[in-house]
């Protein structure tokens, strides 16, 4: 890992029995959580019977994963990661299995433990369960940039075209072969130089129609304000591919806003190792993906979960 970008002690930086929370080496707002190897090993061993199908068919089994992690790390750990995600100064962290396994089924259990420590996953219509797994390969005929390897996947938030709130987003890297490029691209709203310009624009609160392509299995048109306010701070809901503006002026506002974010010096590309996940507050973090370099045997598989925070 590279030299830490954070030189002063961060708010949630700490070392406790079973885990350590440190500044992320690639981004000044993020944390990285290092678990004791014994914790990971015990979690995987004790949950081995919770195959993905059981987690899909039996919703409370997802809470079993969270409860086991909570037993291993303590109630304070659960509260701390919730606090990190809802703290506007940060709002995100990475964590991984640290080489204890390379089995994708183990990754599903591990990720589900963390998503259900902080909230409840939304139904993902693309896969008809609470998570999605998707691949990126050399050739693709999909109807969005999600699987198109050699295109820039522009900055966006999740949940724009579904009729439910999307507070948080989890992405975990399952498999990666012959991949160069394809880094995660991230932008925290408060680091964006032109946030005030676009969040106070007359079109900022205009309800934009969003329509999903066929692969998403969502037929409804959803109307979303691009900017809304929470705790006296602007939050954003946007993806360029699925917005259907009905006037030239609105279209130009969205294009100029997207271009501004893409060109911001605060938009950072960072790697995510296989077996690691990133959890972000979806209300003030935007994410995307850099293009890959061409390779005929490129193969990457990711898992996505997204959902709601607990009310308490």
C-alpha atoms as a PDB file:
ATOM      1  CA  UNK A   1       0.000   0.000   0.000  1.00  0.00           C
ATOM      2  CA  UNK A   2       1.173   3.515  -0.694  1.00  0.00           C
ATOM      3  CA  UNK A   3       2.149   6.172   1.827  1.00  0.00           C
ATOM      4  CA  UNK A   4      -0.753   7.376   3.907  1.00  0.00           C
ATOM      5  CA  UNK A   5      -2.343  10.570   2.597  1.00  0.00           C
ATOM      6  CA  UNK A   6      -3.557  11.482   6.114  1.00  0.00           C
ATOM      7  CA  UNK A   7      -0.862  12.873   8.404  1.00  0.00           C
ATOM      8  CA  UNK A   8      -2.988  13.851  11.412  1.00  0.00           C
ATOM      9  CA  UNK A   9      -5.064  11.477  13.481  1.00  0.00           C
ATOM     10  CA  UNK A  10      -8.560  11.048  12.108  1.00  0.00           C
ATOM     11  CA  UNK A  11     -11.722  11.030  14.221  1.00  0.00           C
ATOM     12  CA  UNK A  12     -12.402   7.278  14.156  1.00  0.00           C
ATOM     13  CA  UNK A  13      -8.798   6.089  13.986  1.00  0.00           C
ATOM     14  CA  UNK A  14      -8.297   3.470  16.699  1.00  0.00           C
ATOM     15  CA  UNK A  15      -6.969   0.050  17.651  1.00  0.00           C
ATOM     16  CA  UNK A  16      -9.233  -2.326  19.554  1.00  0.00           C
ATOM     17  CA  UNK A  17      -9.368  -6.030  20.305  1.00  0.00           C
ATOM     18  CA  UNK A  18      -9.954  -7.746  16.975  1.00  0.00           C
ATOM     19  CA  UNK A  19      -9.571  -4.759  14.670  1.00  0.00           C
ATOM     20  CA  UNK A  20      -7.800  -1.542  13.803  1.00  0.00           C
ATOM     21  CA  UNK A  21      -9.234   1.477  11.975  1.00  0.00           C
ATOM     22  CA  UNK A  22      -6.662   3.518  10.075  1.00  0.00           C
ATOM     23  CA  UNK A  23      -6.710   6.351   7.523  1.00  0.00           C
ATOM     24  CA  UNK A  24      -7.107   5.010   4.017  1.00  0.00           C
ATOM     25  CA  UNK A  25      -3.808   5.116   2.092  1.00  0.00           C
ATOM     26  CA  UNK A  26      -5.458   6.422  -1.094  1.00  0.00           C
ATOM     27  CA  UNK A  27      -8.081   8.949   0.014  1.00  0.00           C
ATOM     28  CA  UNK A  28      -8.025  11.541   2.787  1.00  0.00           C
ATOM     29  CA  UNK A  29     -11.702  11.070   3.715  1.00  0.00           C
ATOM     30  CA  UNK A  30     -11.867   7.288   3.833  1.00  0.00           C
ATOM     31  CA  UNK A  31     -10.876   4.750   6.458  1.00  0.00           C
ATOM     32  CA  UNK A  32      -9.478   1.261   6.053  1.00  0.00           C
ATOM     33  CA  UNK A  33     -10.378  -1.384   8.628  1.00  0.00           C
ATOM     34  CA  UNK A  34      -7.891  -4.181   9.373  1.00  0.00           C
ATOM     35  CA  UNK A  35      -9.345  -7.209  11.108  1.00  0.00           C
ATOM     36  CA  UNK A  36      -7.343  -9.734  13.068  1.00  0.00           C
ATOM     37  CA  UNK A  37      -6.846 -12.804  10.894  1.00  0.00           C
ATOM     38  CA  UNK A  38      -8.383 -14.950  13.651  1.00  0.00           C
ATOM     39  CA  UNK A  39     -11.601 -12.908  13.430  1.00  0.00           C
ATOM     40  CA  UNK A  40     -11.937 -13.471   9.697  1.00  0.00           C
ATOM     41  CA  UNK A  41     -11.095 -17.157  10.028  1.00  0.00           C
ATOM     42  CA  UNK A  42     -13.639 -17.686  12.805  1.00  0.00           C
ATOM     43  CA  UNK A  43     -16.355 -15.787  10.931  1.00  0.00           C
ATOM     44  CA  UNK A  44     -15.875 -17.863   7.783  1.00  0.00           C
ATOM     45  CA  UNK A  45     -15.700 -21.126   9.726  1.00  0.00           C
ATOM     46  CA  UNK A  46     -18.793 -20.456  11.804  1.00  0.00           C
ATOM     47  CA  UNK A  47     -20.955 -19.315   8.869  1.00  0.00           C
ATOM     48  CA  UNK A  48     -19.882 -21.934   6.326  1.00  0.00           C
ATOM     49  CA  UNK A  49     -23.418 -23.377   6.091  1.00  0.00           C
ATOM     50  CA  UNK A  50     -24.891 -20.018   5.064  1.00  0.00           C
ATOM     51  CA  UNK A  51     -24.577 -20.541   1.321  1.00  0.00           C
ATOM     52  CA  UNK A  52     -25.700 -17.632  -0.883  1.00  0.00           C
ATOM     53  CA  UNK A  53     -28.977 -19.379  -1.717  1.00  0.00           C
ATOM     54  CA  UNK A  54     -29.919 -19.456   1.953  1.00  0.00           C
ATOM     55  CA  UNK A  55     -29.154 -15.762   2.302  1.00  0.00           C
ATOM     56  CA  UNK A  56     -31.282 -15.081  -0.765  1.00  0.00           C
ATOM     57  CA  UNK A  57     -34.255 -17.212   0.308  1.00  0.00           C
ATOM     58  CA  UNK A  58     -34.229 -16.513   4.059  1.00  0.00           C
ATOM     59  CA  UNK A  59     -33.915 -12.785   4.785  1.00  0.00           C
ATOM     60  CA  UNK A  60     -33.217 -13.144   8.499  1.00  0.00           C
ATOM     61  CA  UNK A  61     -30.172 -15.271   7.663  1.00  0.00           C
ATOM     62  CA  UNK A  62     -28.528 -12.047   6.489  1.00  0.00           C
ATOM     63  CA  UNK A  63     -28.853 -10.697  10.020  1.00  0.00           C
ATOM     64  CA  UNK A  64     -27.238 -13.904  11.266  1.00  0.00           C
ATOM     65  CA  UNK A  65     -24.107 -12.884   9.337  1.00  0.00           C
ATOM     66  CA  UNK A  66     -24.176  -9.442  10.947  1.00  0.00           C
ATOM     67  CA  UNK A  67     -24.803 -10.894  14.387  1.00  0.00           C
ATOM     68  CA  UNK A  68     -21.828 -13.236  14.109  1.00  0.00           C
ATOM     69  CA  UNK A  69     -19.537 -10.370  13.137  1.00  0.00           C
ATOM     70  CA  UNK A  70     -20.968  -8.311  15.990  1.00  0.00           C
ATOM     71  CA  UNK A  71     -20.237 -11.144  18.447  1.00  0.00           C
ATOM     72  CA  UNK A  72     -16.638 -11.280  17.225  1.00  0.00           C
ATOM     73  CA  UNK A  73     -15.967  -7.541  17.192  1.00  0.00           C
ATOM     74  CA  UNK A  74     -18.371  -6.062  19.719  1.00  0.00           C
ATOM     75  CA  UNK A  75     -21.310  -3.691  19.730  1.00  0.00           C
ATOM     76  CA  UNK A  76     -19.028  -0.660  19.737  1.00  0.00           C
ATOM     77  CA  UNK A  77     -17.558  -1.760  16.403  1.00  0.00           C
ATOM     78  CA  UNK A  78     -21.026  -1.793  14.883  1.00  0.00           C
ATOM     79  CA  UNK A  79     -21.743   1.708  16.188  1.00  0.00           C
ATOM     80  CA  UNK A  80     -18.401   3.005  14.939  1.00  0.00           C
ATOM     81  CA  UNK A  81     -18.875   1.859  11.350  1.00  0.00           C
ATOM     82  CA  UNK A  82     -22.406   3.305  11.356  1.00  0.00           C
ATOM     83  CA  UNK A  83     -20.978   6.585  12.628  1.00  0.00           C
ATOM     84  CA  UNK A  84     -18.273   6.613   9.933  1.00  0.00           C
ATOM     85  CA  UNK A  85     -20.815   6.111   7.158  1.00  0.00           C
ATOM     86  CA  UNK A  86     -23.146   8.837   8.398  1.00  0.00           C
ATOM     87  CA  UNK A  87     -20.414  11.330   9.257  1.00  0.00           C
ATOM     88  CA  UNK A  88     -20.278  13.912   6.464  1.00  0.00           C
ATOM     89  CA  UNK A  89     -16.526  14.374   6.967  1.00  0.00           C
ATOM     90  CA  UNK A  90     -15.923  10.780   5.881  1.00  0.00           C
ATOM     91  CA  UNK A  91     -18.851   8.592   4.901  1.00  0.00           C
ATOM     92  CA  UNK A  92     -16.892   5.551   3.790  1.00  0.00           C
ATOM     93  CA  UNK A  93     -14.409   2.788   4.469  1.00  0.00           C
ATOM     94  CA  UNK A  94     -12.789  -0.268   2.922  1.00  0.00           C
ATOM     95  CA  UNK A  95     -12.291  -3.693   4.495  1.00  0.00           C
ATOM     96  CA  UNK A  96     -11.310  -7.106   3.185  1.00  0.00           C
ATOM     97  CA  UNK A  97     -10.822 -10.805   3.850  1.00  0.00           C
ATOM     98  CA  UNK A  98      -7.029 -10.335   3.882  1.00  0.00           C
ATOM     99  CA  UNK A  99      -6.224 -13.500   1.964  1.00  0.00           C
ATOM    100  CA  UNK A 100      -8.197 -15.846   4.229  1.00  0.00           C
ATOM    101  CA  UNK A 101     -10.311 -17.051   1.287  1.00  0.00           C
ATOM    102  CA  UNK A 102     -10.779 -16.610  -2.443  1.00  0.00           C
ATOM    103  CA  UNK A 103     -14.191 -18.319  -2.552  1.00  0.00           C
ATOM    104  CA  UNK A 104     -16.889 -15.967  -3.933  1.00  0.00           C
ATOM    105  CA  UNK A 105     -19.477 -17.586  -1.639  1.00  0.00           C
ATOM    106  CA  UNK A 106     -17.360 -16.522   1.338  1.00  0.00           C
ATOM    107  CA  UNK A 107     -17.240 -13.002  -0.076  1.00  0.00           C
ATOM    108  CA  UNK A 108     -21.043 -12.864  -0.198  1.00  0.00           C
ATOM    109  CA  UNK A 109     -21.291 -13.848   3.485  1.00  0.00           C
ATOM    110  CA  UNK A 110     -18.551 -11.424   4.511  1.00  0.00           C
ATOM    111  CA  UNK A 111     -20.077  -8.484   2.642  1.00  0.00           C
ATOM    112  CA  UNK A 112     -23.564  -9.266   3.908  1.00  0.00           C
ATOM    113  CA  UNK A 113     -22.304  -9.181   7.484  1.00  0.00           C
ATOM    114  CA  UNK A 114     -21.202  -5.574   6.996  1.00  0.00           C
ATOM    115  CA  UNK A 115     -24.205  -4.381   5.023  1.00  0.00           C
ATOM    116  CA  UNK A 116     -26.548  -5.756   7.700  1.00  0.00           C
ATOM    117  CA  UNK A 117     -24.517  -4.222  10.491  1.00  0.00           C
ATOM    118  CA  UNK A 118     -25.378  -0.801   9.079  1.00  0.00           C
ATOM    119  CA  UNK A 119     -28.784  -1.314   7.495  1.00  0.00           C
ATOM    120  CA  UNK A 120     -30.987  -3.406   5.234  1.00  0.00           C
ATOM    121  CA  UNK A 121     -30.241  -4.135   1.583  1.00  0.00           C
ATOM    122  CA  UNK A 122     -32.763  -3.109  -1.050  1.00  0.00           C
ATOM    123  CA  UNK A 123     -34.181  -5.642  -3.486  1.00  0.00           C
ATOM    124  CA  UNK A 124     -32.033  -5.596  -6.634  1.00  0.00           C
ATOM    125  CA  UNK A 125     -34.380  -6.103  -9.590  1.00  0.00           C
ATOM    126  CA  UNK A 126     -31.462  -6.824 -11.926  1.00  0.00           C
ATOM    127  CA  UNK A 127     -30.884 -10.164 -10.161  1.00  0.00           C
ATOM    128  CA  UNK A 128     -34.150 -10.580  -8.207  1.00  0.00           C
ATOM    129  CA  UNK A 129     -32.436 -10.790  -4.823  1.00  0.00           C
ATOM    130  CA  UNK A 130     -30.675  -8.502  -2.334  1.00  0.00           C
ATOM    131  CA  UNK A 131     -27.362  -8.280  -4.196  1.00  0.00           C
ATOM    132  CA  UNK A 132     -26.021  -8.342  -7.740  1.00  0.00           C
ATOM    133  CA  UNK A 133     -22.929 -10.001  -9.166  1.00  0.00           C
ATOM    134  CA  UNK A 134     -21.795  -8.887 -12.595  1.00  0.00           C
ATOM    135  CA  UNK A 135     -18.793  -9.368 -14.830  1.00  0.00           C
ATOM    136  CA  UNK A 136     -16.730  -7.071 -17.013  1.00  0.00           C
ATOM    137  CA  UNK A 137     -15.091  -8.767 -20.007  1.00  0.00           C
ATOM    138  CA  UNK A 138     -13.345  -7.910 -23.252  1.00  0.00           C
ATOM    139  CA  UNK A 139     -16.553  -7.991 -25.305  1.00  0.00           C
ATOM    140  CA  UNK A 140     -20.002  -6.934 -24.178  1.00  0.00           C
ATOM    141  CA  UNK A 141     -23.450  -6.260 -25.617  1.00  0.00           C
ATOM    142  CA  UNK A 142     -25.095  -4.813 -22.500  1.00  0.00           C
ATOM    143  CA  UNK A 143     -27.315  -1.751 -22.503  1.00  0.00           C
ATOM    144  CA  UNK A 144     -25.353   0.350 -19.981  1.00  0.00           C
ATOM    145  CA  UNK A 145     -21.761   1.267 -19.157  1.00  0.00           C
ATOM    146  CA  UNK A 146     -21.762  -1.067 -16.149  1.00  0.00           C
ATOM    147  CA  UNK A 147     -20.212  -3.951 -18.092  1.00  0.00           C
ATOM    148  CA  UNK A 148     -18.468  -2.035 -20.878  1.00  0.00           C
ATOM    149  CA  UNK A 149     -14.800  -2.330 -20.032  1.00  0.00           C
ATOM    150  CA  UNK A 150     -13.219   0.217 -22.320  1.00  0.00           C
ATOM    151  CA  UNK A 151     -15.510   3.153 -21.622  1.00  0.00           C
ATOM    152  CA  UNK A 152     -15.227   5.610 -18.770  1.00  0.00           C
ATOM    153  CA  UNK A 153     -18.035   4.831 -16.328  1.00  0.00           C
ATOM    154  CA  UNK A 154     -18.997   8.356 -15.332  1.00  0.00           C
ATOM    155  CA  UNK A 155     -19.598   9.541 -11.776  1.00  0.00           C
ATOM    156  CA  UNK A 156     -23.037   8.766 -10.417  1.00  0.00           C
ATOM    157  CA  UNK A 157     -25.048   7.694  -7.398  1.00  0.00           C
ATOM    158  CA  UNK A 158     -27.002   4.456  -7.139  1.00  0.00           C
ATOM    159  CA  UNK A 159     -30.767   4.055  -6.846  1.00  0.00           C
ATOM    160  CA  UNK A 160     -31.770   6.873  -9.204  1.00  0.00           C
ATOM    161  CA  UNK A 161     -34.334   4.775 -11.095  1.00  0.00           C
ATOM    162  CA  UNK A 162     -35.892   2.811  -8.219  1.00  0.00           C
ATOM    163  CA  UNK A 163     -38.770   3.940  -6.027  1.00  0.00           C
ATOM    164  CA  UNK A 164     -36.987   3.639  -2.683  1.00  0.00           C
ATOM    165  CA  UNK A 165     -34.246   5.521  -0.849  1.00  0.00           C
ATOM    166  CA  UNK A 166     -30.659   4.359  -1.320  1.00  0.00           C
ATOM    167  CA  UNK A 167     -28.601   5.524   1.651  1.00  0.00           C
ATOM    168  CA  UNK A 168     -25.496   3.374   1.206  1.00  0.00           C
ATOM    169  CA  UNK A 169     -23.652   1.424  -1.454  1.00  0.00           C
ATOM    170  CA  UNK A 170     -21.357  -1.594  -1.076  1.00  0.00           C
ATOM    171  CA  UNK A 171     -19.076  -2.851  -3.855  1.00  0.00           C
ATOM    172  CA  UNK A 172     -16.809  -5.880  -3.444  1.00  0.00           C
ATOM    173  CA  UNK A 173     -14.253  -7.182  -5.920  1.00  0.00           C
ATOM    174  CA  UNK A 174     -14.705 -10.939  -6.385  1.00  0.00           C
ATOM    175  CA  UNK A 175     -12.405 -11.852  -9.288  1.00  0.00           C
ATOM    176  CA  UNK A 176      -9.883  -9.955 -11.418  1.00  0.00           C
ATOM    177  CA  UNK A 177      -7.757 -11.363 -14.233  1.00  0.00           C
ATOM    178  CA  UNK A 178      -5.705  -9.631 -16.942  1.00  0.00           C
ATOM    179  CA  UNK A 179      -6.929  -6.244 -15.762  1.00  0.00           C
ATOM    180  CA  UNK A 180      -5.003  -3.020 -16.071  1.00  0.00           C
ATOM    181  CA  UNK A 181      -6.879   0.170 -15.316  1.00  0.00           C
ATOM    182  CA  UNK A 182     -10.482   0.029 -14.165  1.00  0.00           C
ATOM    183  CA  UNK A 183      -9.795   1.806 -10.871  1.00  0.00           C
ATOM    184  CA  UNK A 184     -12.675   3.063  -8.738  1.00  0.00           C
ATOM    185  CA  UNK A 185     -13.258   6.786  -9.278  1.00  0.00           C
ATOM    186  CA  UNK A 186     -14.666   8.665  -6.300  1.00  0.00           C
ATOM    187  CA  UNK A 187     -15.836  12.194  -5.539  1.00  0.00           C
ATOM    188  CA  UNK A 188     -17.022  13.480  -2.174  1.00  0.00           C
ATOM    189  CA  UNK A 189     -19.435  16.363  -2.739  1.00  0.00           C
ATOM    190  CA  UNK A 190     -17.712  18.664  -0.261  1.00  0.00           C
ATOM    191  CA  UNK A 191     -14.429  18.424  -2.181  1.00  0.00           C
ATOM    192  CA  UNK A 192     -16.012  19.466  -5.498  1.00  0.00           C
ATOM    193  CA  UNK A 193     -15.047  23.005  -6.430  1.00  0.00           C
ATOM    194  CA  UNK A 194     -18.368  23.867  -8.100  1.00  0.00           C
ATOM    195  CA  UNK A 195     -20.774  22.313  -5.613  1.00  0.00           C
ATOM    196  CA  UNK A 196     -22.338  25.642  -4.665  1.00  0.00           C
ATOM    197  CA  UNK A 197     -22.790  26.688  -8.296  1.00  0.00           C
ATOM    198  CA  UNK A 198     -24.728  23.574  -9.260  1.00  0.00           C
ATOM    199  CA  UNK A 199     -26.526  22.868  -5.961  1.00  0.00           C
ATOM    200  CA  UNK A 200     -28.053  26.360  -5.891  1.00  0.00           C
ATOM    201  CA  UNK A 201     -28.929  26.472  -9.598  1.00  0.00           C
ATOM    202  CA  UNK A 202     -32.662  26.837 -10.458  1.00  0.00           C
ATOM    203  CA  UNK A 203     -32.599  23.334 -11.939  1.00  0.00           C
ATOM    204  CA  UNK A 204     -31.013  21.777  -8.836  1.00  0.00           C
ATOM    205  CA  UNK A 205     -34.428  20.942  -7.350  1.00  0.00           C
ATOM    206  CA  UNK A 206     -36.177  20.207 -10.656  1.00  0.00           C
ATOM    207  CA  UNK A 207     -37.632  16.680 -10.737  1.00  0.00           C
ATOM    208  CA  UNK A 208     -35.737  14.840 -13.470  1.00  0.00           C
ATOM    209  CA  UNK A 209     -37.312  11.730 -15.069  1.00  0.00           C
ATOM    210  CA  UNK A 210     -35.188   8.577 -14.786  1.00  0.00           C
ATOM    211  CA  UNK A 211     -35.825   5.454 -16.857  1.00  0.00           C
ATOM    212  CA  UNK A 212     -33.835   2.239 -16.559  1.00  0.00           C
ATOM    213  CA  UNK A 213     -32.701   0.129 -19.531  1.00  0.00           C
ATOM    214  CA  UNK A 214     -34.183  -3.333 -20.033  1.00  0.00           C
ATOM    215  CA  UNK A 215     -31.394  -5.160 -18.167  1.00  0.00           C
ATOM    216  CA  UNK A 216     -32.358  -3.471 -14.886  1.00  0.00           C
ATOM    217  CA  UNK A 217     -35.863  -5.044 -14.885  1.00  0.00           C
ATOM    218  CA  UNK A 218     -37.468  -1.776 -13.731  1.00  0.00           C
ATOM    219  CA  UNK A 219     -40.236  -0.369 -15.912  1.00  0.00           C
ATOM    220  CA  UNK A 220     -41.403   2.681 -13.947  1.00  0.00           C
ATOM    221  CA  UNK A 221     -40.322   6.238 -14.633  1.00  0.00           C
ATOM    222  CA  UNK A 222     -38.953   7.752 -11.418  1.00  0.00           C
ATOM    223  CA  UNK A 223     -38.671  11.500 -10.809  1.00  0.00           C
ATOM    224  CA  UNK A 224     -35.708  12.693  -8.768  1.00  0.00           C
ATOM    225  CA  UNK A 225     -34.419  16.075  -7.664  1.00  0.00           C
ATOM    226  CA  UNK A 226     -30.723  16.316  -8.529  1.00  0.00           C
ATOM    227  CA  UNK A 227     -29.915  18.055  -5.236  1.00  0.00           C
ATOM    228  CA  UNK A 228     -31.741  17.779  -1.941  1.00  0.00           C
ATOM    229  CA  UNK A 229     -30.792  18.786   1.582  1.00  0.00           C
ATOM    230  CA  UNK A 230     -30.059  16.691   4.645  1.00  0.00           C
ATOM    231  CA  UNK A 231     -28.720  18.111   7.926  1.00  0.00           C
ATOM    232  CA  UNK A 232     -28.347  21.475   6.173  1.00  0.00           C
ATOM    233  CA  UNK A 233     -25.965  19.976   3.593  1.00  0.00           C
ATOM    234  CA  UNK A 234     -26.593  19.296  -0.111  1.00  0.00           C
ATOM    235  CA  UNK A 235     -26.926  15.691  -1.234  1.00  0.00           C
ATOM    236  CA  UNK A 236     -27.105  14.439  -4.810  1.00  0.00           C
ATOM    237  CA  UNK A 237     -29.012  11.908  -6.917  1.00  0.00           C
ATOM    238  CA  UNK A 238     -27.698  11.565 -10.466  1.00  0.00           C
ATOM    239  CA  UNK A 239     -26.641   9.230 -13.256  1.00  0.00           C
ATOM    240  CA  UNK A 240     -26.162  10.570 -16.759  1.00  0.00           C
ATOM    241  CA  UNK A 241     -27.158   7.378 -18.623  1.00  0.00           C
ATOM    242  CA  UNK A 242     -30.699   7.119 -17.290  1.00  0.00           C
ATOM    243  CA  UNK A 243     -31.764  10.772 -16.960  1.00  0.00           C
ATOM    244  CA  UNK A 244     -34.397  11.831 -19.514  1.00  0.00           C
ATOM    245  CA  UNK A 245     -34.499  15.656 -19.445  1.00  0.00           C
ATOM    246  CA  UNK A 246     -37.333  17.163 -21.450  1.00  0.00           C
ATOM    247  CA  UNK A 247     -35.808  20.544 -22.308  1.00  0.00           C
ATOM    248  CA  UNK A 248     -32.529  21.753 -23.798  1.00  0.00           C
ATOM    249  CA  UNK A 249     -31.786  23.912 -20.769  1.00  0.00           C
ATOM    250  CA  UNK A 250     -32.188  21.058 -18.292  1.00  0.00           C
ATOM    251  CA  UNK A 251     -30.092  18.761 -20.466  1.00  0.00           C
ATOM    252  CA  UNK A 252     -27.301  21.334 -20.620  1.00  0.00           C
ATOM    253  CA  UNK A 253     -27.426  21.834 -16.858  1.00  0.00           C
ATOM    254  CA  UNK A 254     -26.971  18.087 -16.289  1.00  0.00           C
ATOM    255  CA  UNK A 255     -24.216  17.817 -18.895  1.00  0.00           C
ATOM    256  CA  UNK A 256     -22.270  20.777 -17.514  1.00  0.00           C
ATOM    257  CA  UNK A 257     -22.640  19.425 -13.986  1.00  0.00           C
ATOM    258  CA  UNK A 258     -21.395  15.975 -15.018  1.00  0.00           C
ATOM    259  CA  UNK A 259     -18.470  17.470 -16.927  1.00  0.00           C
ATOM    260  CA  UNK A 260     -17.558  19.595 -13.907  1.00  0.00           C
ATOM    261  CA  UNK A 261     -17.462  16.579 -11.616  1.00  0.00           C
ATOM    262  CA  UNK A 262     -15.476  14.495 -14.097  1.00  0.00           C
ATOM    263  CA  UNK A 263     -12.895  17.265 -14.451  1.00  0.00           C
ATOM    264  CA  UNK A 264     -12.691  18.100 -10.756  1.00  0.00           C
ATOM    265  CA  UNK A 265      -9.266  17.810  -9.155  1.00  0.00           C
ATOM    266  CA  UNK A 266     -11.079  16.125  -6.238  1.00  0.00           C
ATOM    267  CA  UNK A 267     -12.163  13.156  -8.367  1.00  0.00           C
ATOM    268  CA  UNK A 268      -9.727  10.429  -7.363  1.00  0.00           C
ATOM    269  CA  UNK A 269      -8.993   7.016  -8.870  1.00  0.00           C
ATOM    270  CA  UNK A 270      -8.072   4.310  -6.378  1.00  0.00           C
ATOM    271  CA  UNK A 271      -7.546   0.543  -6.563  1.00  0.00           C
ATOM    272  CA  UNK A 272      -9.699  -2.013  -4.767  1.00  0.00           C
ATOM    273  CA  UNK A 273      -7.934  -5.356  -4.245  1.00  0.00           C
ATOM    274  CA  UNK A 274      -9.692  -8.672  -4.816  1.00  0.00           C
ATOM    275  CA  UNK A 275     -11.431  -9.672  -1.603  1.00  0.00           C
ATOM    276  CA  UNK A 276     -11.901  -6.058  -0.457  1.00  0.00           C
ATOM    277  CA  UNK A 277     -15.135  -4.112  -0.312  1.00  0.00           C
ATOM    278  CA  UNK A 278     -15.918  -0.425  -0.115  1.00  0.00           C
ATOM    279  CA  UNK A 279     -18.946   0.925   1.745  1.00  0.00           C
ATOM    280  CA  UNK A 280     -19.998   4.497   0.967  1.00  0.00           C
ATOM    281  CA  UNK A 281     -22.719   6.932   1.917  1.00  0.00           C
ATOM    282  CA  UNK A 282     -24.627   7.176  -1.361  1.00  0.00           C
ATOM    283  CA  UNK A 283     -26.030  10.600  -0.555  1.00  0.00           C
ATOM    284  CA  UNK A 284     -22.792  12.594  -0.766  1.00  0.00           C
ATOM    285  CA  UNK A 285     -20.324  10.257  -2.495  1.00  0.00           C
ATOM    286  CA  UNK A 286     -20.323   9.734  -6.260  1.00  0.00           C
ATOM    287  CA  UNK A 287     -18.559   6.778  -7.814  1.00  0.00           C
ATOM    288  CA  UNK A 288     -17.525   5.566 -11.242  1.00  0.00           C
ATOM    289  CA  UNK A 289     -14.830   3.509 -12.939  1.00  0.00           C
ATOM    290  CA  UNK A 290     -11.813   4.289 -15.073  1.00  0.00           C
ATOM    291  CA  UNK A 291     -11.552   2.540 -18.431  1.00  0.00           C
ATOM    292  CA  UNK A 292      -9.549  -0.681 -18.681  1.00  0.00           C
ATOM    293  CA  UNK A 293      -6.698  -1.209 -21.072  1.00  0.00           C
ATOM    294  CA  UNK A 294      -7.584  -3.569 -23.893  1.00  0.00           C
ATOM    295  CA  UNK A 295      -6.965  -7.277 -23.190  1.00  0.00           C
ATOM    296  CA  UNK A 296      -8.720 -10.212 -24.915  1.00  0.00           C
ATOM    297  CA  UNK A 297      -8.906 -12.201 -21.659  1.00  0.00           C
ATOM    298  CA  UNK A 298      -9.974  -9.417 -19.319  1.00  0.00           C
ATOM    299  CA  UNK A 299     -12.261 -10.689 -16.565  1.00  0.00           C
ATOM    300  CA  UNK A 300     -13.521  -8.887 -13.482  1.00  0.00           C
ATOM    301  CA  UNK A 301     -16.449  -9.795 -11.264  1.00  0.00           C
ATOM    302  CA  UNK A 302     -17.974  -7.419  -8.743  1.00  0.00           C
ATOM    303  CA  UNK A 303     -20.745  -7.682  -6.174  1.00  0.00           C
ATOM    304  CA  UNK A 304     -23.073  -4.833  -5.344  1.00  0.00           C
ATOM    305  CA  UNK A 305     -25.387  -4.290  -2.402  1.00  0.00           C
ATOM    306  CA  UNK A 306     -27.247  -1.070  -1.668  1.00  0.00           C
ATOM    307  CA  UNK A 307     -29.892  -0.092   0.842  1.00  0.00           C
ATOM    308  CA  UNK A 308     -31.155   1.814   3.844  1.00  0.00           C
ATOM    309  CA  UNK A 309     -29.587   2.788   7.138  1.00  0.00           C
ATOM    310  CA  UNK A 310     -31.263   1.627  10.337  1.00  0.00           C
ATOM    311  CA  UNK A 311     -33.418   4.311  11.950  1.00  0.00           C
ATOM    312  CA  UNK A 312     -31.753   3.714  15.315  1.00  0.00           C
END
